């Protein structure tokens, strides 16, 4: 009797271990960065289209994109378009500020910065794909009734970073589309 209970316990543990092993190894999960690396293979050249109304913010977006390419995808950036396996064209489509909340005197105190970024990339084989990204950042004004350039700049930078957070997943999805 006692040996039968031990046998059942051992059998149950082995069955549970085998089931968990099959589930975990059989799912085939790969992170989105794996597919993004395959999609943006080789050396990458990033071409920036600067909006003359707001050139500082365009440079911020390019720097943030370069940081994503280097740190998360481990891509090599080149400074000559002819040497690149993938050419990325980056442009800020729009930057908008929305008023969200007013104080008791009727002054705006809470704003939202909305940034839309368009990225088009062309691979060595001539395949071109487009990605549209959107980001937002809420910020408040405590010491006055107008948005200072510093607050505006910081809000747009944070909204652009928010937009680029979805860059890897959108590239990974693009890798599945023909």
N, C-alpha and C. Protein backbone atom coordinates (compact mmCIF):
# COMPACT_ATOMS: atom_id res chain seq x y z
N UNK A 1 0.81 -1.19 0.00
CA UNK A 1 0.00 0.00 0.00
C UNK A 1 0.86 1.26 0.00
N UNK A 2 1.85 1.22 0.90
CA UNK A 2 2.71 2.38 1.04
C UNK A 2 3.51 2.61 -0.25
N UNK A 3 3.97 1.55 -0.86
CA UNK A 3 4.74 1.68 -2.10
C UNK A 3 3.85 2.17 -3.24
N UNK A 4 2.57 1.86 -3.22
CA UNK A 4 1.64 2.32 -4.26
C UNK A 4 1.46 3.84 -4.17
N UNK A 5 1.37 4.40 -2.95
CA UNK A 5 1.24 5.84 -2.77
C UNK A 5 2.50 6.56 -3.22
N UNK A 6 3.65 5.98 -2.91
CA UNK A 6 4.92 6.57 -3.35
C UNK A 6 5.00 6.55 -4.87
N UNK A 7 4.58 5.43 -5.46
CA UNK A 7 4.59 5.31 -6.92
C UNK A 7 3.68 6.36 -7.56
N UNK A 8 2.51 6.59 -7.00
CA UNK A 8 1.57 7.60 -7.52
C UNK A 8 2.16 9.00 -7.41
N UNK A 9 2.79 9.29 -6.29
CA UNK A 9 3.39 10.60 -6.10
C UNK A 9 4.51 10.84 -7.10
N UNK A 10 5.36 9.84 -7.29
CA UNK A 10 6.46 9.96 -8.25
C UNK A 10 5.90 10.12 -9.66
N UNK A 11 4.90 9.36 -9.99
CA UNK A 11 4.26 9.45 -11.30
C UNK A 11 3.63 10.83 -11.51
N UNK A 12 2.97 11.35 -10.48
CA UNK A 12 2.36 12.68 -10.56
C UNK A 12 3.42 13.76 -10.77
N UNK A 13 4.52 13.69 -10.03
CA UNK A 13 5.60 14.67 -10.18
C UNK A 13 6.21 14.60 -11.57
N UNK A 14 6.45 13.40 -12.06
CA UNK A 14 7.02 13.24 -13.41
C UNK A 14 6.06 13.77 -14.47
N UNK A 15 4.78 13.48 -14.34
CA UNK A 15 3.79 13.95 -15.30
C UNK A 15 3.71 15.48 -15.28
N UNK A 16 3.70 16.07 -14.10
CA UNK A 16 3.66 17.52 -13.97
C UNK A 16 4.91 18.15 -14.58
N UNK A 17 6.05 17.63 -14.28
CA UNK A 17 7.31 18.15 -14.83
C UNK A 17 7.32 18.05 -16.35
N UNK A 18 6.90 16.92 -16.89
CA UNK A 18 6.87 16.74 -18.34
C UNK A 18 5.88 17.70 -19.00
N UNK A 19 4.73 17.89 -18.39
CA UNK A 19 3.72 18.80 -18.94
C UNK A 19 4.23 20.24 -18.96
N UNK A 20 4.80 20.68 -17.86
CA UNK A 20 5.32 22.04 -17.79
C UNK A 20 6.47 22.23 -18.79
N UNK A 21 7.33 21.25 -18.91
CA UNK A 21 8.45 21.33 -19.86
C UNK A 21 7.94 21.45 -21.30
N UNK A 22 6.95 20.67 -21.65
CA UNK A 22 6.39 20.73 -23.00
C UNK A 22 5.73 22.06 -23.29
N UNK A 23 5.00 22.58 -22.33
CA UNK A 23 4.31 23.85 -22.53
C UNK A 23 5.32 24.98 -22.70
N UNK A 24 6.33 25.02 -21.85
CA UNK A 24 7.29 26.11 -21.91
C UNK A 24 8.21 26.02 -23.12
N UNK A 25 8.59 24.84 -23.51
CA UNK A 25 9.50 24.72 -24.65
C UNK A 25 8.75 24.70 -25.97
N UNK A 26 7.51 24.34 -25.95
CA UNK A 26 6.75 24.21 -27.18
C UNK A 26 6.06 25.48 -27.65
N UNK A 27 6.05 26.53 -26.83
CA UNK A 27 5.30 27.71 -27.22
C UNK A 27 6.03 28.51 -28.29
N UNK A 28 7.34 28.42 -28.37
CA UNK A 28 8.09 29.10 -29.42
C UNK A 28 8.09 30.61 -29.29
N UNK A 29 7.95 31.12 -28.11
CA UNK A 29 7.92 32.57 -27.91
C UNK A 29 9.26 33.19 -28.26
N UNK A 30 9.20 34.27 -29.01
CA UNK A 30 10.38 35.08 -29.29
C UNK A 30 9.97 36.53 -29.11
N UNK A 31 10.82 37.34 -28.49
CA UNK A 31 10.45 38.74 -28.26
C UNK A 31 10.39 39.52 -29.57
N UNK A 32 9.70 40.66 -29.54
CA UNK A 32 9.55 41.47 -30.75
C UNK A 32 10.90 41.97 -31.26
N UNK A 33 11.87 42.14 -30.37
CA UNK A 33 13.18 42.61 -30.82
C UNK A 33 13.85 41.58 -31.73
N UNK A 34 13.55 40.29 -31.54
CA UNK A 34 14.10 39.24 -32.41
C UNK A 34 13.65 39.47 -33.86
N UNK A 35 12.36 39.72 -34.05
CA UNK A 35 11.83 39.94 -35.39
C UNK A 35 12.26 41.30 -35.95
N UNK A 36 12.36 42.30 -35.07
CA UNK A 36 12.81 43.62 -35.52
C UNK A 36 14.27 43.56 -35.98
N UNK A 37 15.09 42.76 -35.31
CA UNK A 37 16.48 42.59 -35.73
C UNK A 37 16.56 41.95 -37.11
N UNK A 38 15.71 40.97 -37.35
CA UNK A 38 15.69 40.32 -38.66
C UNK A 38 15.22 41.28 -39.74
N UNK A 39 14.24 42.12 -39.41
CA UNK A 39 13.69 43.06 -40.38
C UNK A 39 14.70 44.17 -40.71
N UNK A 40 15.39 44.67 -39.71
CA UNK A 40 16.36 45.76 -39.91
C UNK A 40 17.77 45.21 -39.81
N UNK A 41 18.08 44.30 -40.68
CA UNK A 41 19.38 43.63 -40.60
C UNK A 41 20.49 44.50 -41.18
N UNK A 42 21.70 44.22 -40.75
CA UNK A 42 22.87 44.88 -41.29
C UNK A 42 23.07 46.29 -40.77
N UNK A 43 23.73 47.09 -41.60
CA UNK A 43 24.04 48.47 -41.24
C UNK A 43 22.86 49.37 -41.57
N UNK A 44 22.63 50.36 -40.72
CA UNK A 44 21.48 51.24 -40.86
C UNK A 44 21.94 52.68 -41.01
N UNK A 45 21.32 53.39 -41.95
CA UNK A 45 21.53 54.81 -42.13
C UNK A 45 20.22 55.51 -41.82
N UNK A 46 20.27 56.53 -40.95
CA UNK A 46 19.07 57.26 -40.57
C UNK A 46 19.14 58.65 -41.19
N UNK A 47 18.16 58.93 -42.05
CA UNK A 47 18.07 60.23 -42.73
C UNK A 47 16.94 61.02 -42.07
N UNK A 48 17.25 62.22 -41.64
CA UNK A 48 16.31 63.05 -40.92
C UNK A 48 15.79 64.17 -41.82
N UNK A 49 14.47 64.32 -41.84
CA UNK A 49 13.85 65.45 -42.53
C UNK A 49 13.46 66.46 -41.46
N UNK A 50 14.12 67.62 -41.48
CA UNK A 50 13.96 68.62 -40.43
C UNK A 50 12.85 69.59 -40.81
N UNK A 51 11.94 69.80 -39.86
CA UNK A 51 10.90 70.80 -40.02
C UNK A 51 11.51 72.15 -39.62
N UNK A 52 11.45 73.11 -40.52
CA UNK A 52 12.10 74.39 -40.26
C UNK A 52 11.44 75.17 -39.12
N UNK A 53 10.17 74.83 -38.80
CA UNK A 53 9.50 75.51 -37.70
C UNK A 53 10.02 75.04 -36.36
N UNK A 54 10.49 73.79 -36.31
CA UNK A 54 10.89 73.20 -35.03
C UNK A 54 12.08 72.25 -35.22
N UNK A 55 13.25 72.77 -35.57
CA UNK A 55 14.38 71.87 -35.88
C UNK A 55 14.94 71.12 -34.68
N UNK A 56 14.87 71.71 -33.47
CA UNK A 56 15.43 71.04 -32.29
C UNK A 56 14.73 69.72 -32.00
N UNK A 57 13.43 69.69 -32.17
CA UNK A 57 12.68 68.48 -31.85
C UNK A 57 12.95 67.37 -32.86
N UNK A 58 13.18 67.72 -34.10
CA UNK A 58 13.49 66.70 -35.11
C UNK A 58 14.80 66.00 -34.76
N UNK A 59 15.76 66.76 -34.32
CA UNK A 59 17.05 66.17 -33.92
C UNK A 59 16.87 65.26 -32.71
N UNK A 60 16.00 65.64 -31.79
CA UNK A 60 15.72 64.79 -30.63
C UNK A 60 15.16 63.44 -31.05
N UNK A 61 14.25 63.45 -32.00
CA UNK A 61 13.64 62.20 -32.47
C UNK A 61 14.69 61.31 -33.12
N UNK A 62 15.56 61.90 -33.92
CA UNK A 62 16.61 61.11 -34.56
C UNK A 62 17.55 60.51 -33.52
N UNK A 63 17.92 61.30 -32.53
CA UNK A 63 18.80 60.78 -31.47
C UNK A 63 18.14 59.65 -30.70
N UNK A 64 16.85 59.79 -30.41
CA UNK A 64 16.13 58.74 -29.69
C UNK A 64 16.04 57.47 -30.54
N UNK A 65 15.81 57.63 -31.84
CA UNK A 65 15.75 56.47 -32.73
C UNK A 65 17.12 55.80 -32.84
N UNK A 66 18.17 56.58 -32.94
CA UNK A 66 19.52 56.02 -32.96
C UNK A 66 19.80 55.22 -31.69
N UNK A 67 19.34 55.74 -30.57
CA UNK A 67 19.54 55.06 -29.30
C UNK A 67 18.80 53.71 -29.29
N UNK A 68 17.59 53.67 -29.81
CA UNK A 68 16.84 52.41 -29.88
C UNK A 68 17.55 51.42 -30.79
N UNK A 69 18.03 51.90 -31.94
CA UNK A 69 18.71 51.01 -32.89
C UNK A 69 19.99 50.43 -32.31
N UNK A 70 20.72 51.24 -31.57
CA UNK A 70 22.00 50.77 -31.02
C UNK A 70 21.79 49.91 -29.78
N UNK A 71 21.00 50.40 -28.83
CA UNK A 71 20.88 49.70 -27.55
C UNK A 71 19.98 48.48 -27.60
N UNK A 72 18.84 48.58 -28.27
CA UNK A 72 17.89 47.47 -28.23
C UNK A 72 18.05 46.49 -29.38
N UNK A 73 18.52 46.98 -30.53
CA UNK A 73 18.67 46.09 -31.68
C UNK A 73 20.12 45.77 -32.02
N UNK A 74 21.04 46.46 -31.39
CA UNK A 74 22.47 46.23 -31.61
C UNK A 74 22.83 46.38 -33.09
N UNK A 75 22.27 47.38 -33.73
CA UNK A 75 22.55 47.67 -35.14
C UNK A 75 23.74 48.61 -35.25
N UNK A 76 24.45 48.50 -36.34
CA UNK A 76 25.56 49.40 -36.64
C UNK A 76 25.02 50.55 -37.48
N UNK A 77 25.24 51.78 -37.01
CA UNK A 77 24.82 52.95 -37.76
C UNK A 77 25.97 53.42 -38.64
N UNK A 78 25.64 53.78 -39.87
CA UNK A 78 26.64 54.30 -40.79
C UNK A 78 26.25 55.72 -41.16
N UNK A 79 27.22 56.49 -41.57
CA UNK A 79 26.98 57.89 -41.91
C UNK A 79 27.04 58.14 -43.40
N UNK A 80 27.01 57.06 -44.18
CA UNK A 80 26.96 57.16 -45.63
C UNK A 80 25.85 56.23 -46.13
N UNK A 81 24.92 56.80 -46.85
CA UNK A 81 23.76 56.04 -47.31
C UNK A 81 24.15 54.86 -48.20
N UNK A 82 25.23 54.99 -48.94
CA UNK A 82 25.67 53.93 -49.85
C UNK A 82 26.19 52.69 -49.11
N UNK A 83 26.63 52.85 -47.89
CA UNK A 83 27.15 51.73 -47.11
C UNK A 83 26.06 50.97 -46.35
N UNK A 84 24.84 51.50 -46.34
CA UNK A 84 23.78 50.95 -45.50
C UNK A 84 23.04 49.81 -46.18
N UNK A 85 22.62 48.84 -45.34
CA UNK A 85 21.73 47.77 -45.79
C UNK A 85 20.27 48.20 -45.65
N UNK A 86 20.02 49.11 -44.72
CA UNK A 86 18.68 49.65 -44.50
C UNK A 86 18.78 51.16 -44.36
N UNK A 87 17.95 51.88 -45.11
CA UNK A 87 17.92 53.34 -45.04
C UNK A 87 16.59 53.74 -44.42
N UNK A 88 16.66 54.48 -43.32
CA UNK A 88 15.46 54.94 -42.62
C UNK A 88 15.31 56.44 -42.80
N UNK A 89 14.10 56.84 -43.20
CA UNK A 89 13.78 58.26 -43.33
C UNK A 89 12.82 58.62 -42.19
N UNK A 90 13.23 59.59 -41.38
CA UNK A 90 12.48 59.96 -40.18
C UNK A 90 11.98 61.39 -40.33
N UNK A 91 10.70 61.59 -39.98
CA UNK A 91 10.12 62.93 -40.07
C UNK A 91 9.08 63.09 -38.98
N UNK A 92 9.06 64.26 -38.35
CA UNK A 92 7.99 64.58 -37.42
C UNK A 92 6.83 65.09 -38.25
N UNK A 93 5.71 64.35 -38.23
CA UNK A 93 4.53 64.77 -38.99
C UNK A 93 3.84 65.95 -38.34
N UNK A 94 3.67 65.89 -37.02
CA UNK A 94 3.00 67.01 -36.36
C UNK A 94 3.34 67.04 -34.88
N UNK A 95 3.25 68.26 -34.34
CA UNK A 95 3.41 68.49 -32.90
C UNK A 95 2.24 69.38 -32.49
N UNK A 96 1.44 68.91 -31.56
CA UNK A 96 0.28 69.68 -31.10
C UNK A 96 0.28 69.77 -29.58
N UNK A 97 -0.25 70.87 -29.09
CA UNK A 97 -0.45 71.07 -27.66
C UNK A 97 -1.94 71.20 -27.41
N UNK A 98 -2.43 70.46 -26.41
CA UNK A 98 -3.84 70.52 -26.03
C UNK A 98 -3.95 71.00 -24.59
N UNK A 99 -4.94 71.85 -24.33
CA UNK A 99 -5.22 72.26 -22.96
C UNK A 99 -6.12 71.20 -22.34
N UNK A 100 -5.77 70.76 -21.14
CA UNK A 100 -6.55 69.72 -20.48
C UNK A 100 -7.30 70.21 -19.25
N UNK A 101 -6.73 71.17 -18.53
CA UNK A 101 -7.35 71.58 -17.27
C UNK A 101 -7.06 73.05 -17.00
N UNK A 102 -8.03 73.70 -16.40
CA UNK A 102 -7.91 75.11 -16.04
C UNK A 102 -7.94 75.24 -14.52
N UNK A 103 -7.32 76.32 -14.02
CA UNK A 103 -7.41 76.57 -12.58
C UNK A 103 -8.67 77.38 -12.27
N UNK A 104 -8.85 77.79 -11.03
CA UNK A 104 -10.08 78.49 -10.63
C UNK A 104 -10.20 79.87 -11.27
N UNK A 105 -9.07 80.44 -11.72
CA UNK A 105 -9.09 81.74 -12.37
C UNK A 105 -9.25 81.63 -13.89
N UNK A 106 -9.32 80.42 -14.40
CA UNK A 106 -9.52 80.23 -15.84
C UNK A 106 -8.24 80.11 -16.65
N UNK A 107 -7.09 79.99 -15.99
CA UNK A 107 -5.83 79.84 -16.70
C UNK A 107 -5.55 78.36 -16.94
N UNK A 108 -4.92 78.07 -18.07
CA UNK A 108 -4.55 76.69 -18.38
C UNK A 108 -3.43 76.25 -17.44
N UNK A 109 -3.61 75.07 -16.86
CA UNK A 109 -2.59 74.55 -15.95
C UNK A 109 -2.07 73.18 -16.37
N UNK A 110 -2.84 72.45 -17.14
CA UNK A 110 -2.44 71.10 -17.55
C UNK A 110 -2.54 70.99 -19.06
N UNK A 111 -1.46 70.54 -19.67
CA UNK A 111 -1.39 70.42 -21.13
C UNK A 111 -1.01 69.00 -21.52
N UNK A 112 -1.26 68.70 -22.78
CA UNK A 112 -0.82 67.43 -23.36
C UNK A 112 -0.09 67.75 -24.67
N UNK A 113 1.13 67.23 -24.78
CA UNK A 113 1.90 67.35 -26.02
C UNK A 113 1.66 66.08 -26.84
N UNK A 114 1.26 66.24 -28.08
CA UNK A 114 1.03 65.11 -28.99
C UNK A 114 2.03 65.19 -30.13
N UNK A 115 2.75 64.10 -30.37
CA UNK A 115 3.76 64.07 -31.43
C UNK A 115 3.47 62.88 -32.34
N UNK A 116 3.45 63.15 -33.64
CA UNK A 116 3.30 62.08 -34.63
C UNK A 116 4.60 62.00 -35.43
N UNK A 117 5.15 60.80 -35.52
CA UNK A 117 6.42 60.57 -36.21
C UNK A 117 6.17 59.58 -37.34
N UNK A 118 6.70 59.90 -38.51
CA UNK A 118 6.61 59.00 -39.65
C UNK A 118 8.00 58.45 -39.96
N UNK A 119 8.08 57.13 -40.10
CA UNK A 119 9.34 56.47 -40.43
C UNK A 119 9.10 55.60 -41.65
N UNK A 120 9.96 55.77 -42.63
CA UNK A 120 9.92 54.93 -43.83
C UNK A 120 11.29 54.30 -43.97
N UNK A 121 11.31 52.99 -44.13
CA UNK A 121 12.61 52.35 -44.28
C UNK A 121 12.63 51.48 -45.54
N UNK A 122 13.79 51.51 -46.19
CA UNK A 122 14.01 50.76 -47.41
C UNK A 122 15.17 49.81 -47.19
N UNK A 123 14.92 48.54 -47.47
CA UNK A 123 15.97 47.53 -47.33
C UNK A 123 16.76 47.42 -48.62
N UNK A 124 17.86 46.70 -48.56
CA UNK A 124 18.79 46.56 -49.68
C UNK A 124 18.08 46.00 -50.92
N UNK A 125 17.08 45.12 -50.70
CA UNK A 125 16.38 44.52 -51.83
C UNK A 125 15.33 45.44 -52.46
N UNK A 126 15.19 46.67 -51.94
CA UNK A 126 14.26 47.64 -52.50
C UNK A 126 12.90 47.64 -51.83
N UNK A 127 12.68 46.75 -50.89
CA UNK A 127 11.41 46.67 -50.17
C UNK A 127 11.29 47.88 -49.24
N UNK A 128 10.21 48.67 -49.42
CA UNK A 128 10.00 49.87 -48.62
C UNK A 128 8.76 49.70 -47.76
N UNK A 129 8.88 50.06 -46.49
CA UNK A 129 7.75 49.98 -45.57
C UNK A 129 7.66 51.27 -44.77
N UNK A 130 6.41 51.61 -44.37
CA UNK A 130 6.17 52.83 -43.62
C UNK A 130 5.57 52.51 -42.26
N UNK A 131 5.99 53.30 -41.28
CA UNK A 131 5.48 53.15 -39.91
C UNK A 131 5.06 54.54 -39.43
N UNK A 132 3.90 54.60 -38.80
CA UNK A 132 3.43 55.84 -38.20
C UNK A 132 3.35 55.63 -36.69
N UNK A 133 3.98 56.52 -35.95
CA UNK A 133 4.03 56.42 -34.49
C UNK A 133 3.40 57.66 -33.86
N UNK A 134 2.75 57.47 -32.72
CA UNK A 134 2.16 58.58 -31.99
C UNK A 134 2.55 58.49 -30.53
N UNK A 135 2.86 59.63 -29.94
CA UNK A 135 3.20 59.67 -28.53
C UNK A 135 2.59 60.88 -27.88
N UNK A 136 2.42 60.80 -26.58
CA UNK A 136 1.86 61.92 -25.84
C UNK A 136 2.55 62.07 -24.49
N UNK A 137 2.46 63.29 -23.97
CA UNK A 137 3.02 63.58 -22.65
C UNK A 137 2.18 64.66 -22.00
N UNK A 138 1.70 64.40 -20.80
CA UNK A 138 0.95 65.39 -20.04
C UNK A 138 1.91 66.13 -19.12
N UNK A 139 1.73 67.45 -19.05
CA UNK A 139 2.58 68.25 -18.17
C UNK A 139 1.80 69.43 -17.63
N UNK A 140 2.23 69.92 -16.49
CA UNK A 140 1.53 71.05 -15.86
C UNK A 140 2.44 72.27 -15.82
N UNK A 141 1.79 73.41 -15.67
CA UNK A 141 2.50 74.67 -15.52
C UNK A 141 2.17 75.20 -14.14
N UNK A 142 3.18 75.33 -13.31
CA UNK A 142 2.94 75.75 -11.94
C UNK A 142 3.22 77.23 -11.73
N UNK A 143 4.21 77.74 -12.43
CA UNK A 143 4.70 79.08 -12.14
C UNK A 143 4.39 80.07 -13.26
N UNK A 144 3.17 80.19 -13.66
CA UNK A 144 2.82 81.14 -14.70
C UNK A 144 1.68 80.63 -15.54
N UNK A 145 1.33 81.40 -16.52
CA UNK A 145 0.17 81.06 -17.33
C UNK A 145 0.54 80.69 -18.76
N UNK A 146 1.81 80.73 -19.08
CA UNK A 146 2.23 80.38 -20.44
C UNK A 146 3.23 79.23 -20.41
N UNK A 147 3.31 78.55 -21.52
CA UNK A 147 4.26 77.45 -21.65
C UNK A 147 5.62 78.04 -22.01
N UNK A 148 6.61 77.76 -21.20
CA UNK A 148 7.96 78.23 -21.50
C UNK A 148 8.56 77.32 -22.57
N UNK A 149 9.58 77.81 -23.25
CA UNK A 149 10.26 77.01 -24.26
C UNK A 149 10.86 75.74 -23.67
N UNK A 150 11.36 75.85 -22.45
CA UNK A 150 11.95 74.68 -21.79
C UNK A 150 10.91 73.61 -21.53
N UNK A 151 9.75 74.01 -21.00
CA UNK A 151 8.67 73.05 -20.73
C UNK A 151 8.18 72.42 -22.03
N UNK A 152 8.01 73.23 -23.06
CA UNK A 152 7.54 72.75 -24.35
C UNK A 152 8.52 71.75 -24.94
N UNK A 153 9.79 72.10 -24.91
CA UNK A 153 10.85 71.25 -25.44
C UNK A 153 10.88 69.91 -24.70
N UNK A 154 10.82 69.95 -23.39
CA UNK A 154 10.84 68.73 -22.58
C UNK A 154 9.60 67.87 -22.83
N UNK A 155 8.44 68.51 -22.97
CA UNK A 155 7.20 67.77 -23.23
C UNK A 155 7.25 67.09 -24.59
N UNK A 156 7.75 67.77 -25.59
CA UNK A 156 7.85 67.18 -26.93
C UNK A 156 8.87 66.05 -26.93
N UNK A 157 9.96 66.22 -26.22
CA UNK A 157 10.97 65.16 -26.12
C UNK A 157 10.36 63.91 -25.49
N UNK A 158 9.62 64.08 -24.40
CA UNK A 158 8.99 62.94 -23.73
C UNK A 158 7.92 62.29 -24.60
N UNK A 159 7.16 63.09 -25.32
CA UNK A 159 6.14 62.55 -26.23
C UNK A 159 6.79 61.78 -27.38
N UNK A 160 7.90 62.27 -27.89
CA UNK A 160 8.62 61.56 -28.96
C UNK A 160 9.19 60.24 -28.44
N UNK A 161 9.71 60.25 -27.22
CA UNK A 161 10.20 59.01 -26.61
C UNK A 161 9.06 58.01 -26.45
N UNK A 162 7.88 58.51 -26.07
CA UNK A 162 6.70 57.65 -25.93
C UNK A 162 6.32 57.06 -27.29
N UNK A 163 6.41 57.85 -28.34
CA UNK A 163 6.10 57.35 -29.69
C UNK A 163 7.08 56.26 -30.11
N UNK A 164 8.34 56.45 -29.80
CA UNK A 164 9.35 55.47 -30.22
C UNK A 164 9.31 54.19 -29.39
N UNK A 165 8.59 54.21 -28.27
CA UNK A 165 8.45 52.99 -27.48
C UNK A 165 7.74 51.90 -28.27
N UNK A 166 6.87 52.28 -29.18
CA UNK A 166 6.15 51.28 -29.97
C UNK A 166 6.86 50.95 -31.29
N UNK A 167 8.02 51.53 -31.50
CA UNK A 167 8.76 51.32 -32.75
C UNK A 167 9.12 49.85 -32.97
N UNK A 168 9.68 49.20 -31.97
CA UNK A 168 10.11 47.80 -32.12
C UNK A 168 8.94 46.88 -32.46
N UNK A 169 7.83 47.07 -31.77
CA UNK A 169 6.69 46.18 -32.03
C UNK A 169 6.12 46.41 -33.42
N UNK A 170 6.09 47.66 -33.89
CA UNK A 170 5.58 47.91 -35.23
C UNK A 170 6.52 47.36 -36.31
N UNK A 171 7.82 47.45 -36.09
CA UNK A 171 8.77 46.85 -37.04
C UNK A 171 8.61 45.34 -37.05
N UNK A 172 8.43 44.75 -35.88
CA UNK A 172 8.25 43.29 -35.80
C UNK A 172 7.00 42.88 -36.56
N UNK A 173 5.92 43.63 -36.43
CA UNK A 173 4.69 43.32 -37.16
C UNK A 173 4.92 43.49 -38.67
N UNK A 174 5.66 44.50 -39.05
CA UNK A 174 5.96 44.73 -40.46
C UNK A 174 6.74 43.55 -41.06
N UNK A 175 7.52 42.87 -40.24
CA UNK A 175 8.31 41.76 -40.75
C UNK A 175 7.45 40.59 -41.20
N UNK A 176 6.21 40.51 -40.69
CA UNK A 176 5.30 39.45 -41.08
C UNK A 176 4.49 39.78 -42.31
N UNK A 177 4.40 41.07 -42.66
CA UNK A 177 3.57 41.50 -43.77
C UNK A 177 4.40 41.48 -45.06
N UNK A 178 3.78 41.00 -46.09
CA UNK A 178 4.46 40.94 -47.39
C UNK A 178 4.20 42.19 -48.19
